[in-house]
C-alpha atoms as a PDB file:
ATOM      1  CA  MET A   1       0.000   0.000   0.000  1.00  0.00           C
ATOM      2  CA  GLU A   2       1.252   3.433  -0.881  1.00  0.00           C
ATOM      3  CA  SER A   3       1.743   6.203   1.626  1.00  0.00           C
ATOM      4  CA  LEU A   4      -1.472   8.128   2.329  1.00  0.00           C
ATOM      5  CA  GLY A   5      -2.111  11.688   3.363  1.00  0.00           C
ATOM      6  CA  ILE A   6      -4.525  12.419   6.194  1.00  0.00           C
ATOM      7  CA  GLY A   7      -7.446  13.056   3.817  1.00  0.00           C
ATOM      8  CA  ALA A   8      -6.995   9.777   1.950  1.00  0.00           C
ATOM      9  CA  LEU A   9      -6.610   7.884   5.235  1.00  0.00           C
ATOM     10  CA  ALA A  10      -9.796   9.446   6.592  1.00  0.00           C
ATOM     11  CA  ARG A  11     -11.728   8.595   3.408  1.00  0.00           C
ATOM     12  CA  ARG A  12     -10.580   4.976   3.397  1.00  0.00           C
ATOM     13  CA  ALA A  13     -11.483   4.562   7.054  1.00  0.00           C
ATOM     14  CA  GLY A  14     -14.820   6.354   6.664  1.00  0.00           C
ATOM     15  CA  VAL A  15     -14.050   9.087   9.196  1.00  0.00           C
ATOM     16  CA  ARG A  16     -13.460  12.824   9.136  1.00  0.00           C
ATOM     17  CA  ILE A  17     -10.001  14.361   9.148  1.00  0.00           C
ATOM     18  CA  ASP A  18     -10.782  15.910  12.540  1.00  0.00           C
ATOM     19  CA  THR A  19     -11.357  12.406  13.886  1.00  0.00           C
ATOM     20  CA  VAL A  20      -7.904  11.293  12.755  1.00  0.00           C
ATOM     21  CA  ARG A  21      -6.349  14.357  14.397  1.00  0.00           C
ATOM     22  CA  TYR A  22      -8.320  13.721  17.581  1.00  0.00           C
ATOM     23  CA  TYR A  23      -7.049  10.138  17.772  1.00  0.00           C
ATOM     24  CA  GLU A  24      -3.527  11.434  17.255  1.00  0.00           C
ATOM     25  CA  ARG A  25      -3.903  13.945  20.099  1.00  0.00           C
ATOM     26  CA  SER A  26      -5.325  11.134  22.251  1.00  0.00           C
ATOM     27  CA  GLY A  27      -2.258   9.003  21.592  1.00  0.00           C
ATOM     28  CA  LEU A  28      -4.219   6.284  19.809  1.00  0.00           C
ATOM     29  CA  LEU A  29      -2.791   6.884  16.353  1.00  0.00           C
ATOM     30  CA  ALA A  30       0.459   8.274  15.001  1.00  0.00           C
ATOM     31  CA  PRO A  31       1.524   8.959  11.440  1.00  0.00           C
ATOM     32  CA  LYS A  32       3.985   6.484   9.967  1.00  0.00           C
ATOM     33  CA  SER A  33       6.163   9.393   8.904  1.00  0.00           C
ATOM     34  CA  ARG A  34       6.148  13.054   7.974  1.00  0.00           C
ATOM     35  CA  LEU A  35       7.307  14.718   4.838  1.00  0.00           C
ATOM     36  CA  GLN A  36       9.868  17.502   5.099  1.00  0.00           C
ATOM     37  CA  SER A  37       6.959  19.880   4.696  1.00  0.00           C
ATOM     38  CA  GLY A  38       5.454  18.430   7.892  1.00  0.00           C
ATOM     39  CA  TYR A  39       2.570  16.676   6.177  1.00  0.00           C
ATOM     40  CA  ARG A  40       1.577  13.409   7.850  1.00  0.00           C
ATOM     41  CA  ARG A  41       1.935  10.150   5.943  1.00  0.00           C
ATOM     42  CA  TYR A  42       0.132   6.936   6.836  1.00  0.00           C
ATOM     43  CA  GLY A  43       0.393   3.335   5.731  1.00  0.00           C
ATOM     44  CA  ALA A  44      -1.593   0.124   5.941  1.00  0.00           C
ATOM     45  CA  GLY A  45      -0.822  -0.292   9.648  1.00  0.00           C
ATOM     46  CA  GLU A  46      -2.285   3.081  10.548  1.00  0.00           C
ATOM     47  CA  LEU A  47      -5.369   2.394   8.428  1.00  0.00           C
ATOM     48  CA  ALA A  48      -5.889  -0.949  10.179  1.00  0.00           C
ATOM     49  CA  ARG A  49      -5.416   0.709  13.580  1.00  0.00           C
ATOM     50  CA  LEU A  50      -7.912   3.447  12.719  1.00  0.00           C
ATOM     51  CA  ARG A  51     -10.476   0.839  11.641  1.00  0.00           C
ATOM     52  CA  PHE A  52      -9.816  -1.103  14.864  1.00  0.00           C
ATOM     53  CA  ILE A  53     -10.483   2.033  16.917  1.00  0.00           C
ATOM     54  CA  ARG A  54     -13.750   2.739  15.089  1.00  0.00           C
ATOM     55  CA  ARG A  55     -14.994  -0.848  15.420  1.00  0.00           C
ATOM     56  CA  ALA A  56     -14.112  -0.941  19.113  1.00  0.00           C
ATOM     57  CA  GLN A  57     -16.000   2.316  19.643  1.00  0.00           C
ATOM     58  CA  ALA A  58     -19.014   0.886  17.824  1.00  0.00           C
ATOM     59  CA  LEU A  59     -18.940  -1.996  20.322  1.00  0.00           C
ATOM     60  CA  GLY A  60     -19.057   0.464  23.211  1.00  0.00           C
ATOM     61  CA  PHE A  61     -15.408   0.587  24.254  1.00  0.00           C
ATOM     62  CA  SER A  62     -14.209   3.939  25.583  1.00  0.00           C
ATOM     63  CA  LEU A  63     -11.024   5.488  24.233  1.00  0.00           C
ATOM     64  CA  LYS A  64      -9.204   4.462  27.414  1.00  0.00           C
ATOM     65  CA  GLU A  65     -10.413   0.881  27.001  1.00  0.00           C
ATOM     66  CA  ILE A  66      -9.357   0.955  23.344  1.00  0.00           C
ATOM     67  CA  ARG A  67      -5.918   2.190  24.364  1.00  0.00           C
ATOM     68  CA  ASP A  68      -5.709  -0.750  26.790  1.00  0.00           C
ATOM     69  CA  LEU A  69      -6.826  -3.218  24.097  1.00  0.00           C
ATOM     70  CA  LEU A  70      -4.220  -1.880  21.699  1.00  0.00           C
ATOM     71  CA  ALA A  71      -1.542  -2.268  24.369  1.00  0.00           C
ATOM     72  CA  LEU A  72      -2.715  -5.820  25.083  1.00  0.00           C
ATOM     73  CA  SER A  73      -2.662  -6.659  21.380  1.00  0.00           C
ATOM     74  CA  LYS A  74       0.999  -5.671  21.213  1.00  0.00           C
ATOM     75  CA  GLY A  75       1.783  -8.064  24.046  1.00  0.00           C
ATOM     76  CA  ARG A  76      -0.319 -10.748  22.407  1.00  0.00           C
ATOM     77  CA  ASP A  77      -2.123 -11.412  25.709  1.00  0.00           C
ATOM     78  CA  VAL A  78      -5.299 -12.865  24.229  1.00  0.00           C
ATOM     79  CA  ALA A  79      -6.604 -14.016  27.626  1.00  0.00           C
ATOM     80  CA  ARG A  80      -6.588 -10.421  28.911  1.00  0.00           C
ATOM     81  CA  VAL A  81      -8.214  -9.193  25.699  1.00  0.00           C
ATOM     82  CA  LYS A  82     -10.959 -11.774  26.191  1.00  0.00           C
ATOM     83  CA  ARG A  83     -11.453 -10.698  29.837  1.00  0.00           C
ATOM     84  CA  ALA A  84     -11.716  -7.059  28.756  1.00  0.00           C
ATOM     85  CA  ALA A  85     -14.333  -7.989  26.148  1.00  0.00           C
ATOM     86  CA  GLN A  86     -16.232 -10.118  28.693  1.00  0.00           C
ATOM     87  CA  SER A  87     -16.260  -7.183  31.089  1.00  0.00           C
ATOM     88  CA  LYS A  88     -17.591  -4.879  28.350  1.00  0.00           C
ATOM     89  CA  LEU A  89     -20.239  -7.469  27.450  1.00  0.00           C
ATOM     90  CA  ALA A  90     -21.395  -7.665  31.081  1.00  0.00           C
ATOM     91  CA  ASP A  91     -21.606  -3.863  31.201  1.00  0.00           C
ATOM     92  CA  VAL A  92     -23.652  -3.763  27.982  1.00  0.00           C
ATOM     93  CA  GLU A  93     -25.999  -6.477  29.267  1.00  0.00           C
ATOM     94  CA  GLN A  94     -26.566  -4.502  32.491  1.00  0.00           C
ATOM     95  CA  ARG A  95     -27.369  -1.356  30.513  1.00  0.00           C
ATOM     96  CA  ILE A  96     -29.740  -3.300  28.247  1.00  0.00           C
ATOM     97  CA  ALA A  97     -31.537  -4.745  31.287  1.00  0.00           C
ATOM     98  CA  ALA A  98     -31.876  -1.255  32.771  1.00  0.00           C
ATOM     99  CA  LEU A  99     -33.251   0.103  29.486  1.00  0.00           C
ATOM    100  CA  GLN A 100     -35.709  -2.795  29.255  1.00  0.00           C
ATOM    101  CA  ARG A 101     -36.989  -1.950  32.758  1.00  0.00           C
ATOM    102  CA  VAL A 102     -37.402   1.694  31.697  1.00  0.00           C
ATOM    103  CA  ARG A 103     -39.195   0.608  28.501  1.00  0.00           C
ATOM    104  CA  ASP A 104     -41.536  -1.713  30.404  1.00  0.00           C
ATOM    105  CA  GLY A 105     -42.383   0.924  32.991  1.00  0.00           C
ATOM    106  CA  LEU A 106     -42.986   3.569  30.348  1.00  0.00           C
ATOM    107  CA  ALA A 107     -45.112   1.185  28.269  1.00  0.00           C
ATOM    108  CA  THR A 108     -47.250   0.439  31.331  1.00  0.00           C
ATOM    109  CA  LEU A 109     -47.775   4.164  31.930  1.00  0.00           C
ATOM    110  CA  VAL A 110     -48.579   4.868  28.275  1.00  0.00           C
ATOM    111  CA  ASP A 111     -51.091   1.988  28.204  1.00  0.00           C
ATOM    112  CA  ALA A 112     -52.765   3.256  31.385  1.00  0.00           C
ATOM    113  CA  CYS A 113     -53.133   6.823  30.133  1.00  0.00           C
ATOM    114  CA  PRO A 114     -56.341   7.605  28.220  1.00  0.00           C
ATOM    115  CA  GLY A 115     -54.693  10.620  26.558  1.00  0.00           C
ATOM    116  CA  HIS A 116     -57.458  13.015  27.582  1.00  0.00           C
ATOM    117  CA  GLY A 117     -59.045  14.437  30.675  1.00  0.00           C
ATOM    118  CA  GLU A 118     -57.635  16.286  33.656  1.00  0.00           C
ATOM    119  CA  PRO A 119     -53.887  16.348  34.321  1.00  0.00           C
ATOM    120  CA  THR A 120     -54.585  15.179  37.884  1.00  0.00           C
ATOM    121  CA  ASP A 121     -56.058  11.968  36.406  1.00  0.00           C
ATOM    122  CA  CYS A 122     -53.059  11.277  34.189  1.00  0.00           C
ATOM    123  CA  PRO A 123     -51.193   8.150  35.385  1.00  0.00           C
ATOM    124  CA  ILE A 124     -48.008   9.349  33.695  1.00  0.00           C
ATOM    125  CA  LEU A 125     -47.983  12.652  35.571  1.00  0.00           C
ATOM    126  CA  ARG A 126     -48.923  10.919  38.831  1.00  0.00           C
ATOM    127  CA  ALA A 127     -46.098   8.387  38.442  1.00  0.00           C
ATOM    128  CA  LEU A 128     -43.549  11.058  37.598  1.00  0.00           C
ATOM    129  CA  GLY A 129     -44.709  13.199  40.505  1.00  0.00           C
ATOM    130  CA  GLY A 130     -44.695  10.335  42.988  1.00  0.00           C
ATOM    131  CA  GLU A 131     -47.487   9.130  45.288  1.00  0.00           C
ATOM    132  CA  GLY A 132     -49.875  11.922  46.151  1.00  0.00           C
ATOM    133  CA  ALA A 133     -47.784  14.510  44.276  1.00  0.00           C
ATOM    134  CA  GLN A 134     -49.327  17.800  43.274  1.00  0.00           C
ATOM    135  CA  THR A 135     -49.644  18.451  39.543  1.00  0.00           C
ATOM    136  CA  LEU A 136     -47.935  21.642  38.395  1.00  0.00           C
ATOM    137  CA  PRO A 137     -50.192  24.510  37.388  1.00  0.00           C
ATOM    138  CA  ALA A 138     -50.428  24.971  33.600  1.00  0.00           C
ATOM    139  CA  SER A 139     -48.236  28.096  33.787  1.00  0.00           C
ATOM    140  CA  GLU A 140     -45.378  26.055  35.282  1.00  0.00           C
ATOM    141  CA  THR A 141     -45.350  23.142  32.856  1.00  0.00           C
ATOM    142  CA  ALA A 142     -42.265  23.121  30.642  1.00  0.00           C
ATOM    143  CA  VAL A 143     -43.835  21.153  27.822  1.00  0.00           C
ATOM    144  CA  PRO A 144     -47.476  21.467  26.774  1.00  0.00           C
ATOM    145  CA  LEU A 145     -49.314  18.154  26.941  1.00  0.00           C
ATOM    146  CA  ASP A 146     -51.853  17.518  24.208  1.00  0.00           C
ATOM    147  CA  ASP A 147     -53.301  14.663  22.188  1.00  0.00           C
ATOM    148  CA  ALA A 148     -50.829  15.161  19.292  1.00  0.00           C
END
């Protein structure tokens, strides 16, 4: 593979130039070399690393976690890489379970609400306000509630 400038690297990886620069500032990516003019040059290794970073982000890894994975990959410690991925998987499963609880609770409230009538009779407003909570006067509501 020929040497690439930052724009060509960004295009091939499907990211913006600013993203490449950000990863460089974060210490995740470095140019293979620089021309005498100071322009960055990248090769196949940098392209593969940039794609690795983007895929890891898509799987929910933070930049710090990606940095750790890259360090582990250099040491070829596959067992530690697997443990890091298992930990991320457990975190994702916990967040999914929490979102499912939120979805179920919200669905229950939406099903219970007739969508008309007095605000004091609205199960959504009652649930958000807590047991026996006072409903805000119309002048204090931040978002108008209507049938739309």
